[in-house]
Amino acid sequence: MAYTVKVPAPSPKGAPSRRFQDVPPITRQRAEQAFGSNDSTRVCDALVRAVFHDPDRRWAQRQCLRLARHSLPEVRGLAATCLGHIARIHRAINRKSAERALKALLKDPASAGRAEDALEDIRKFAG
């Protein structure tokens, strides 16, 4: 079931955004193609679209877990955030694998804050 999701649009120089943008669905084939690129914008866009719209949370979680080990810090950070989104959207997650990945990201200064937030989302929404 597709529905419209809006997320804050990027703002110049890190300023808070007051605009929102649609997050349209993406096919798994296109998402997997994007995940194979080294373009962080493309990978991150595909991950958010997949997590918000793919009905199979297990597939989405596998993508997050794989991307949590990506070479680019912005991809690792978003993978952490998206694990929290899965818990919030589906009210369920494979806790063992998600927590293992997030605890590893706690040691990564570029991703630690997002990993902490995702762990809290998992506790709150997938209790």
Protein backbone atom coordinates (compact mmCIF):
# COMPACT_ATOMS: atom_id res chain seq x y z
CA MET A 1 0.00 0.00 0.00
CA ALA A 2 1.57 3.26 -1.12
CA TYR A 3 0.99 6.50 0.69
CA THR A 4 2.59 9.90 0.64
CA VAL A 5 5.32 10.55 3.15
CA LYS A 6 6.85 13.97 3.66
CA VAL A 7 10.24 14.58 5.21
CA PRO A 8 12.13 17.82 5.83
CA ALA A 9 13.80 19.10 2.69
CA PRO A 10 17.55 19.75 2.80
CA SER A 11 18.48 23.27 3.85
CA PRO A 12 21.56 25.24 2.95
CA LYS A 13 24.37 25.39 5.49
CA GLY A 14 22.64 23.03 7.92
CA ALA A 15 19.88 25.52 8.81
CA PRO A 16 16.64 23.99 10.07
CA SER A 17 14.24 23.29 7.22
CA ARG A 18 10.74 24.64 7.13
CA ARG A 19 9.96 22.88 3.85
CA PHE A 20 8.99 19.27 3.30
CA GLN A 21 9.41 17.02 0.31
CA ASP A 22 7.54 13.91 -0.81
CA VAL A 23 9.19 10.54 -0.38
CA PRO A 24 7.82 8.45 -3.25
CA PRO A 25 7.96 4.64 -3.31
CA ILE A 26 10.81 2.86 -5.08
CA THR A 27 11.00 -0.61 -6.57
CA ARG A 28 13.38 -3.08 -4.97
CA GLN A 29 15.26 -3.36 -8.25
CA ARG A 30 15.92 0.40 -8.37
CA ALA A 31 16.73 0.50 -4.66
CA GLU A 32 19.25 -2.32 -4.98
CA GLN A 33 20.85 -0.58 -7.97
CA ALA A 34 21.19 2.59 -5.91
CA PHE A 35 22.59 0.68 -2.93
CA GLY A 36 25.35 -0.62 -5.19
CA SER A 37 26.51 2.86 -6.13
CA ASN A 38 29.01 4.94 -4.19
CA ASP A 39 26.84 8.06 -4.50
CA SER A 40 25.71 8.79 -0.94
CA THR A 41 22.78 10.94 -2.07
CA ARG A 42 21.48 8.16 -4.31
CA VAL A 43 21.99 5.45 -1.66
CA CYS A 44 20.34 7.52 1.09
CA ASP A 45 17.38 8.51 -1.07
CA ALA A 46 16.76 4.89 -2.04
CA LEU A 47 17.05 3.69 1.56
CA VAL A 48 14.52 6.17 2.92
CA ARG A 49 12.11 5.40 0.10
CA ALA A 50 12.46 1.65 0.65
CA VAL A 51 12.10 1.83 4.42
CA PHE A 52 9.02 4.06 4.25
CA HIS A 53 7.23 2.14 1.52
CA ASP A 54 8.33 -1.50 1.22
CA PRO A 55 5.78 -3.64 3.06
CA ASP A 56 8.39 -6.26 4.04
CA ARG A 57 10.12 -4.87 7.09
CA ARG A 58 12.52 -7.81 7.14
CA TRP A 59 13.82 -6.95 3.66
CA ALA A 60 14.10 -3.28 4.62
CA GLN A 61 15.95 -4.18 7.80
CA ARG A 62 18.43 -6.34 5.89
CA GLN A 63 19.21 -3.34 3.68
CA CYS A 64 19.76 -1.13 6.73
CA LEU A 65 22.03 -3.70 8.35
CA ARG A 66 24.10 -4.03 5.20
CA LEU A 67 24.35 -0.25 4.75
CA ALA A 68 25.26 0.24 8.43
CA ARG A 69 28.69 -1.11 7.36
CA HIS A 70 29.00 1.21 4.33
CA SER A 71 32.25 3.10 3.79
CA LEU A 72 30.50 6.50 3.76
CA PRO A 73 29.56 7.91 7.18
CA GLU A 74 26.38 9.62 5.94
CA VAL A 75 25.09 6.26 4.69
CA ARG A 76 25.94 4.52 7.99
CA GLY A 77 24.16 7.27 9.92
CA LEU A 78 21.05 7.08 7.79
CA ALA A 79 21.02 3.28 8.06
CA ALA A 80 20.89 3.72 11.84
CA THR A 81 18.05 6.24 11.59
CA CYS A 82 16.14 3.95 9.25
CA LEU A 83 16.32 1.07 11.73
CA GLY A 84 14.47 3.37 14.12
CA HIS A 85 11.96 4.19 11.37
CA ILE A 86 11.28 0.48 10.84
CA ALA A 87 10.51 0.05 14.54
CA ARG A 88 8.23 3.10 14.48
CA ILE A 89 6.40 2.26 11.25
CA HIS A 90 5.94 -1.48 11.80
CA ARG A 91 6.00 -1.60 15.60
CA ALA A 92 8.35 -4.56 15.17
CA ILE A 93 11.98 -5.27 14.31
CA ASN A 94 14.50 -8.07 14.68
CA ARG A 95 15.94 -6.60 17.85
CA LYS A 96 19.00 -8.82 18.13
CA SER A 97 20.46 -7.92 14.74
CA ALA A 98 19.36 -4.27 14.90
CA GLU A 99 20.82 -3.73 18.36
CA ARG A 100 24.08 -5.46 17.41
CA ALA A 101 24.52 -3.14 14.39
CA LEU A 102 23.53 -0.04 16.34
CA LYS A 103 25.88 -0.85 19.24
CA ALA A 104 28.71 -1.14 16.71
CA LEU A 105 27.73 2.28 15.33
CA LEU A 106 27.93 3.76 18.83
CA LYS A 107 31.71 3.42 18.43
CA ASP A 108 31.60 5.47 15.20
CA PRO A 109 31.71 9.21 16.01
CA ALA A 110 29.95 10.04 12.73
CA SER A 111 26.99 7.76 13.53
CA ALA A 112 26.86 7.46 17.31
CA GLY A 113 24.11 10.04 17.91
CA ARG A 114 21.87 8.56 15.26
CA ALA A 115 22.51 5.06 16.62
CA GLU A 116 21.49 6.22 20.11
CA ASP A 117 18.28 7.73 18.71
CA ALA A 118 17.49 4.52 16.82
CA LEU A 119 18.04 2.37 19.93
CA GLU A 120 15.60 4.62 21.78
CA ASP A 121 13.05 4.32 18.94
CA ILE A 122 13.35 0.54 19.06
CA ARG A 123 12.77 0.51 22.83
CA LYS A 124 9.83 2.92 22.50
CA PHE A 125 8.04 1.51 19.46
CA ALA A 126 9.02 -2.16 19.22
CA GLY A 127 9.23 -2.77 22.96
